[in-house]
Amino acid sequence: MSETTHFGNQTVPEADKAGMVQDVFTRVASKYDIMNDLMSGGVHRLWKDAMMDWLCPRPGQRLLDVAGGTGDVAFRFLKRAAGSQAVVLDMTEGMLVAGRKRAEAESLGRRLDWVVGDAMALPFPDRSFDVYTISFGIRNVTRIGDALREAYRVLRPGGRLMVLEFSWIPNEALQKAYDLYSFNVIPVMGQIVAGDRASYQYLVESIRKFPDQEAFAAMIRAAGFGLVSYRNLTLGVAALHSGWKI
């Protein structure tokens, strides 16, 4: 009997999910950055800056940014760390194509590689990277535990994992208000701006399927990471998770 998983609020065969997610991001690739700005009121940029502040990129480090899409995180990392290098990996080629077209990609080209690949089966040798990041992508992975174990495998000893993902607001009333906004405004915005309501309906549903902060921190520990901690951003709308390969 085949295993099943969730695709938003749908139950689907596990083997089908990756292709369905890839279809979503292929459809939204050209409008992805502008939609991020509109959905969050630009706050996603502050969250990514907060990620870099906590990460403190150091000169000469090598970053793997998984589900890195259009390069937002990799660009920030490279600008903060002289002599560093980055690989942006995404399973959706259209997202990488959109990233390569950005001005930052041209100016940082010699320090930046773009790779089509799967977070659950990374095409890199063991102990290849100093830092592994994934922003707003881990919730779309079919088997999150497999992706975290792959992160552990490709990090060097002393390497760091950092995950930025939508999360749960500890205050129930605020969470309900946020859900009302998410389910009633974002799909409509997706229809108007990107011509695609269904993809943004899925993206909203996928946020509510993702584990809360403590449950996800436990998953990171189960993958082998130590010194695991998290910080809530904007009251818990998003959270930063950190772990070390000790």
Protein backbone atom coordinates (compact mmCIF):
# COMPACT_ATOMS: atom_id res chain seq x y z
CA MET A 1 0.00 0.00 0.00
CA SER A 2 1.43 3.37 -1.00
CA GLU A 3 2.15 6.00 1.65
CA THR A 4 0.14 9.21 1.64
CA THR A 5 0.93 12.77 2.70
CA HIS A 6 -0.72 16.17 2.64
CA PHE A 7 -0.74 18.65 -0.20
CA GLY A 8 -2.33 21.60 1.54
CA ASN A 9 -5.65 20.22 2.77
CA GLN A 10 -5.63 17.35 0.27
CA THR A 11 -4.38 13.84 0.99
CA VAL A 12 -2.22 12.63 -1.90
CA PRO A 13 0.12 9.72 -2.64
CA GLU A 14 3.55 10.52 -1.21
CA ALA A 15 5.14 9.83 -4.59
CA ASP A 16 3.02 12.57 -6.21
CA LYS A 17 3.69 15.47 -3.85
CA ALA A 18 7.06 16.64 -5.18
CA GLY A 19 5.70 16.95 -8.71
CA MET A 20 2.64 18.82 -7.48
CA VAL A 21 4.77 21.27 -5.50
CA GLN A 22 7.04 21.72 -8.51
CA ASP A 23 4.00 22.58 -10.64
CA VAL A 24 2.95 25.24 -8.10
CA PHE A 25 6.32 26.97 -8.09
CA THR A 26 6.72 26.71 -11.86
CA ARG A 27 3.44 28.59 -12.24
CA VAL A 28 4.29 31.33 -9.73
CA ALA A 29 8.03 31.76 -10.47
CA SER A 30 7.76 34.96 -12.50
CA LYS A 31 5.64 36.69 -9.82
CA TYR A 32 7.21 35.05 -6.76
CA ASP A 33 9.22 38.02 -5.49
CA ILE A 34 6.50 40.63 -5.96
CA MET A 35 3.94 38.35 -4.29
CA ASN A 36 6.25 37.88 -1.30
CA ASP A 37 6.40 41.65 -0.91
CA LEU A 38 2.64 42.05 -1.22
CA MET A 39 1.67 39.15 1.06
CA SER A 40 3.99 40.20 3.87
CA GLY A 41 3.97 43.95 3.34
CA GLY A 42 7.70 43.62 2.70
CA VAL A 43 8.31 42.13 6.15
CA HIS A 44 9.85 38.97 4.62
CA ARG A 45 12.89 41.12 3.83
CA LEU A 46 13.28 41.99 7.52
CA TRP A 47 12.93 38.32 8.44
CA LYS A 48 15.71 37.37 6.02
CA ASP A 49 17.89 40.16 7.40
CA ALA A 50 17.22 38.81 10.91
CA MET A 51 18.29 35.40 9.67
CA MET A 52 21.61 36.84 8.51
CA ASP A 53 22.06 38.76 11.78
CA TRP A 54 21.76 35.53 13.77
CA LEU A 55 23.77 33.51 11.28
CA CYS A 56 26.69 36.00 11.19
CA PRO A 57 28.24 34.83 7.89
CA ARG A 58 32.03 34.62 8.07
CA PRO A 59 34.62 35.18 5.32
CA GLY A 60 35.38 32.13 3.23
CA GLN A 61 32.35 30.08 4.25
CA ARG A 62 30.46 27.93 1.74
CA LEU A 63 26.67 28.12 1.85
CA LEU A 64 24.06 25.72 0.53
CA ASP A 65 20.70 27.48 0.24
CA VAL A 66 18.05 24.82 -0.37
CA ALA A 67 14.73 25.74 -1.99
CA GLY A 68 16.67 28.94 -2.63
CA GLY A 69 14.52 29.95 -5.56
CA THR A 70 15.34 33.43 -6.72
CA GLY A 71 18.41 33.87 -4.51
CA ASP A 72 17.24 36.23 -1.76
CA VAL A 73 19.11 34.46 1.04
CA ALA A 74 22.22 33.60 -0.96
CA PHE A 75 22.63 37.22 -2.10
CA ARG A 76 22.44 38.43 1.49
CA PHE A 77 24.97 35.85 2.65
CA LEU A 78 27.52 36.65 -0.06
CA LYS A 79 27.28 40.38 0.54
CA ARG A 80 28.04 39.92 4.25
CA ALA A 81 30.97 37.50 3.97
CA ALA A 82 34.02 38.36 1.87
CA GLY A 83 35.38 35.46 -0.13
CA SER A 84 32.37 33.27 0.61
CA GLN A 85 30.62 31.06 -1.95
CA ALA A 86 27.03 29.89 -2.30
CA VAL A 87 25.08 27.19 -4.06
CA VAL A 88 21.37 27.81 -4.61
CA LEU A 89 19.47 24.55 -4.98
CA ASP A 90 15.83 24.29 -6.01
CA MET A 91 13.80 21.54 -7.63
CA THR A 92 11.98 24.08 -9.82
CA GLU A 93 14.15 25.27 -12.68
CA GLY A 94 11.85 28.22 -13.36
CA MET A 95 12.63 29.64 -9.93
CA LEU A 96 16.37 29.42 -10.59
CA VAL A 97 15.92 31.03 -14.00
CA ALA A 98 14.10 33.94 -12.34
CA GLY A 99 16.93 34.24 -9.81
CA ARG A 100 19.64 34.34 -12.47
CA LYS A 101 17.91 37.33 -14.07
CA ARG A 102 18.26 39.47 -10.95
CA ALA A 103 20.92 42.17 -10.87
CA GLU A 104 22.55 40.67 -7.79
CA ALA A 105 23.09 37.39 -9.63
CA GLU A 106 25.14 39.14 -12.29
CA SER A 107 27.31 41.04 -9.81
CA LEU A 108 27.94 37.95 -7.65
CA GLY A 109 28.11 35.45 -10.49
CA ARG A 110 31.59 34.06 -9.88
CA ARG A 111 30.75 33.18 -6.27
CA LEU A 112 27.35 31.67 -6.99
CA ASP A 113 26.13 28.38 -8.50
CA TRP A 114 22.56 27.37 -9.34
CA VAL A 115 21.61 23.67 -9.12
CA VAL A 116 18.35 21.83 -9.81
CA GLY A 117 17.96 19.21 -7.10
CA ASP A 118 15.89 17.56 -4.38
CA ALA A 119 16.23 18.48 -0.69
CA MET A 120 15.69 14.81 0.23
CA ALA A 121 18.58 13.57 -1.96
CA LEU A 122 21.19 16.32 -2.25
CA PRO A 123 23.65 15.91 -5.14
CA PHE A 124 26.68 16.77 -3.00
CA PRO A 125 29.32 14.77 -1.09
CA ASP A 126 29.35 14.50 2.68
CA ARG A 127 30.79 17.46 4.62
CA SER A 128 30.67 19.88 1.66
CA PHE A 129 29.27 23.04 3.28
CA ASP A 130 29.75 25.27 6.31
CA VAL A 131 26.17 26.57 6.36
CA TYR A 132 22.82 25.16 5.20
CA THR A 133 19.81 27.45 4.93
CA ILE A 134 16.25 26.90 3.78
CA SER A 135 13.66 29.69 3.78
CA PHE A 136 9.94 29.07 3.38
CA GLY A 137 10.73 25.76 1.69
CA ILE A 138 10.93 23.03 4.32
CA ARG A 139 7.13 22.82 4.67
CA ASN A 140 6.87 21.85 0.99
CA VAL A 141 9.24 18.87 1.33
CA THR A 142 7.50 15.49 1.19
CA ARG A 143 9.52 13.94 4.04
CA ILE A 144 10.91 16.70 6.24
CA GLY A 145 12.98 14.31 8.33
CA ASP A 146 14.82 13.08 5.24
CA ALA A 147 15.66 16.66 4.24
CA LEU A 148 17.02 17.43 7.72
CA ARG A 149 19.17 14.29 7.69
CA GLU A 150 20.54 15.31 4.29
CA ALA A 151 21.33 18.75 5.71
CA TYR A 152 23.28 17.08 8.51
CA ARG A 153 25.13 14.86 6.03
CA VAL A 154 26.40 17.65 3.76
CA LEU A 155 27.45 19.97 6.59
CA ARG A 156 31.00 19.89 7.86
CA PRO A 157 31.61 19.30 11.57
CA GLY A 158 30.87 22.62 13.26
CA GLY A 159 28.49 23.53 10.42
CA ARG A 160 25.20 25.29 11.00
CA LEU A 161 21.64 24.71 9.89
CA MET A 162 19.22 27.63 9.80
CA VAL A 163 15.57 27.36 8.78
CA LEU A 164 13.19 30.29 8.25
CA GLU A 165 9.59 29.17 8.02
CA PHE A 166 6.06 30.34 8.70
CA SER A 167 4.97 29.16 12.12
CA TRP A 168 2.32 29.42 14.82
CA ILE A 169 1.36 32.51 16.84
CA PRO A 170 1.20 31.56 20.55
CA ASN A 171 -1.82 33.84 21.10
CA GLU A 172 -4.99 32.04 19.94
CA ALA A 173 -6.95 35.20 19.08
CA LEU A 174 -4.08 36.62 17.02
CA GLN A 175 -3.65 33.26 15.27
CA LYS A 176 -7.34 33.27 14.29
CA ALA A 177 -7.03 36.82 12.94
CA TYR A 178 -3.96 35.85 10.94
CA ASP A 179 -5.76 32.79 9.53
CA LEU A 180 -8.66 34.99 8.44
CA TYR A 181 -6.24 37.20 6.53
CA SER A 182 -4.34 34.27 5.06
CA PHE A 183 -7.30 32.29 3.78
CA ASN A 184 -9.43 35.22 2.61
CA VAL A 185 -6.88 37.68 1.21
CA ILE A 186 -3.81 35.83 -0.06
CA PRO A 187 -5.56 33.52 -2.60
CA VAL A 188 -7.43 36.53 -4.00
CA MET A 189 -4.17 38.45 -4.23
CA GLY A 190 -2.63 35.49 -6.04
CA GLN A 191 -5.46 35.53 -8.57
CA ILE A 192 -5.14 39.27 -9.21
CA VAL A 193 -1.33 39.52 -9.37
CA ALA A 194 -0.22 36.09 -10.57
CA GLY A 195 -3.41 34.87 -12.23
CA ASP A 196 -3.27 31.79 -10.02
CA ARG A 197 -5.58 31.43 -7.02
CA ALA A 198 -5.08 27.68 -6.59
CA SER A 199 -1.32 27.88 -6.03
CA TYR A 200 -1.67 30.48 -3.30
CA GLN A 201 -4.53 28.55 -1.71
CA TYR A 202 -2.12 25.62 -1.44
CA LEU A 203 0.65 27.80 -0.01
CA VAL A 204 -1.67 29.11 2.72
CA GLU A 205 -2.93 25.62 3.55
CA SER A 206 0.64 24.27 3.69
CA ILE A 207 1.52 26.80 6.41
CA ARG A 208 -1.20 25.44 8.68
CA LYS A 209 0.01 21.85 8.12
CA PHE A 210 3.53 22.67 9.30
CA PRO A 211 4.52 21.67 12.87
CA ASP A 212 4.65 24.31 15.59
CA GLN A 213 7.96 25.67 16.89
CA GLU A 214 8.60 23.04 19.57
CA ALA A 215 7.61 20.11 17.35
CA PHE A 216 9.86 21.26 14.53
CA ALA A 217 12.77 21.87 16.92
CA ALA A 218 12.34 18.24 18.05
CA MET A 219 12.59 17.10 14.41
CA ILE A 220 15.87 19.01 14.02
CA ARG A 221 17.27 17.31 17.13
CA ALA A 222 16.13 13.91 15.82
CA ALA A 223 18.20 14.52 12.66
CA GLY A 224 21.33 14.74 14.81
CA PHE A 225 21.75 18.47 15.38
CA GLY A 226 22.82 19.95 18.70
CA LEU A 227 22.33 23.32 20.39
CA VAL A 228 18.91 23.57 18.71
CA SER A 229 17.00 26.77 19.37
CA TYR A 230 14.46 29.06 17.71
CA ARG A 231 13.35 32.68 17.68
CA ASN A 232 9.86 33.90 16.87
CA LEU A 233 9.52 36.70 14.33
CA THR A 234 6.53 39.08 14.17
CA LEU A 235 4.77 37.42 17.13
CA GLY A 236 5.36 33.93 15.69
CA VAL A 237 4.01 34.47 12.17
CA ALA A 238 7.43 33.13 11.19
CA ALA A 239 10.22 31.51 13.17
CA LEU A 240 13.97 31.07 12.78
CA HIS A 241 15.34 27.66 13.77
CA SER A 242 19.04 27.03 14.36
CA GLY A 243 21.03 23.84 14.88
CA TRP A 244 24.71 22.84 14.82
CA LYS A 245 26.53 19.74 13.57
CA ILE A 246 28.64 19.12 16.64
